[in-house]
Amino acid sequence: MPGSTKAMGVLTVGALVVVTAYTVALGSSGWLWFGWVVLGLITLGMVVTTRNT
């Protein structure tokens, strides 16, 4: 797994922790979860693309 894909994975997991903490502390925000899902899909796309090359 190249460095950029690994960094994206770490960013995605970190964002999940932040969004979850925000939700617990201040309540759910649909836009934050939507943003995290988009980030997760981009990361997943990078992983799949990297494995196929």
C-alpha atoms as a PDB file:
ATOM      1  CA  MET A   1       0.000   0.000   0.000  1.00  0.00           C
ATOM      2  CA  PRO A   2       1.612   3.279  -1.064  1.00  0.00           C
ATOM      3  CA  GLY A   3       2.170   6.066   1.449  1.00  0.00           C
ATOM      4  CA  SER A   4      -0.610   8.290   0.134  1.00  0.00           C
ATOM      5  CA  THR A   5      -3.209   5.537   0.469  1.00  0.00           C
ATOM      6  CA  LYS A   6      -2.029   4.703   3.982  1.00  0.00           C
ATOM      7  CA  ALA A   7      -2.154   8.391   4.945  1.00  0.00           C
ATOM      8  CA  MET A   8      -5.678   8.644   3.544  1.00  0.00           C
ATOM      9  CA  GLY A   9      -6.703   5.627   5.631  1.00  0.00           C
ATOM     10  CA  VAL A  10      -5.272   7.203   8.779  1.00  0.00           C
ATOM     11  CA  LEU A  11      -7.059  10.465   7.974  1.00  0.00           C
ATOM     12  CA  THR A  12     -10.347   8.618   7.457  1.00  0.00           C
ATOM     13  CA  VAL A  13     -10.070   6.758  10.773  1.00  0.00           C
ATOM     14  CA  GLY A  14      -9.081   9.973  12.545  1.00  0.00           C
ATOM     15  CA  ALA A  15     -12.046  11.764  11.026  1.00  0.00           C
ATOM     16  CA  LEU A  16     -14.337   8.971  12.229  1.00  0.00           C
ATOM     17  CA  VAL A  17     -13.049   9.431  15.779  1.00  0.00           C
ATOM     18  CA  VAL A  18     -13.572  13.202  15.584  1.00  0.00           C
ATOM     19  CA  VAL A  19     -17.077  12.940  14.116  1.00  0.00           C
ATOM     20  CA  THR A  20     -18.059  10.331  16.707  1.00  0.00           C
ATOM     21  CA  ALA A  21     -16.713  12.482  19.562  1.00  0.00           C
ATOM     22  CA  TYR A  22     -18.564  15.515  18.181  1.00  0.00           C
ATOM     23  CA  THR A  23     -21.778  13.496  17.959  1.00  0.00           C
ATOM     24  CA  VAL A  24     -21.440  12.271  21.553  1.00  0.00           C
ATOM     25  CA  ALA A  25     -20.577  15.721  22.920  1.00  0.00           C
ATOM     26  CA  LEU A  26     -22.818  18.032  20.897  1.00  0.00           C
ATOM     27  CA  GLY A  27     -25.325  15.897  19.026  1.00  0.00           C
ATOM     28  CA  SER A  28     -25.470  14.476  15.550  1.00  0.00           C
ATOM     29  CA  SER A  29     -24.648  16.541  12.497  1.00  0.00           C
ATOM     30  CA  GLY A  30     -25.796  15.083   9.210  1.00  0.00           C
ATOM     31  CA  TRP A  31     -23.262  17.104   7.231  1.00  0.00           C
ATOM     32  CA  LEU A  32     -20.353  15.765   9.281  1.00  0.00           C
ATOM     33  CA  TRP A  33     -21.476  12.187   8.744  1.00  0.00           C
ATOM     34  CA  PHE A  34     -22.073  12.842   5.057  1.00  0.00           C
ATOM     35  CA  GLY A  35     -18.567  14.277   4.765  1.00  0.00           C
ATOM     36  CA  TRP A  36     -17.104  11.270   6.542  1.00  0.00           C
ATOM     37  CA  VAL A  37     -18.945   8.861   4.223  1.00  0.00           C
ATOM     38  CA  VAL A  38     -17.613  10.727   1.172  1.00  0.00           C
ATOM     39  CA  LEU A  39     -14.090  10.607   2.631  1.00  0.00           C
ATOM     40  CA  GLY A  40     -14.496   6.889   3.319  1.00  0.00           C
ATOM     41  CA  LEU A  41     -15.656   6.215  -0.236  1.00  0.00           C
ATOM     42  CA  ILE A  42     -12.698   8.130  -1.657  1.00  0.00           C
ATOM     43  CA  THR A  43     -10.340   6.133   0.575  1.00  0.00           C
ATOM     44  CA  LEU A  44     -11.985   2.881  -0.463  1.00  0.00           C
ATOM     45  CA  GLY A  45     -11.614   3.862  -4.101  1.00  0.00           C
ATOM     46  CA  MET A  46      -7.913   4.565  -3.564  1.00  0.00           C
ATOM     47  CA  VAL A  47      -7.413   1.168  -1.904  1.00  0.00           C
ATOM     48  CA  VAL A  48      -9.189  -0.682  -4.704  1.00  0.00           C
ATOM     49  CA  THR A  49      -7.312   1.242  -7.381  1.00  0.00           C
ATOM     50  CA  THR A  50      -3.967   0.575  -5.687  1.00  0.00           C
ATOM     51  CA  ARG A  51      -4.641  -3.160  -5.403  1.00  0.00           C
ATOM     52  CA  ASN A  52      -5.574  -3.448  -9.086  1.00  0.00           C
ATOM     53  CA  THR A  53      -2.395  -1.822 -10.399  1.00  0.00           C
END
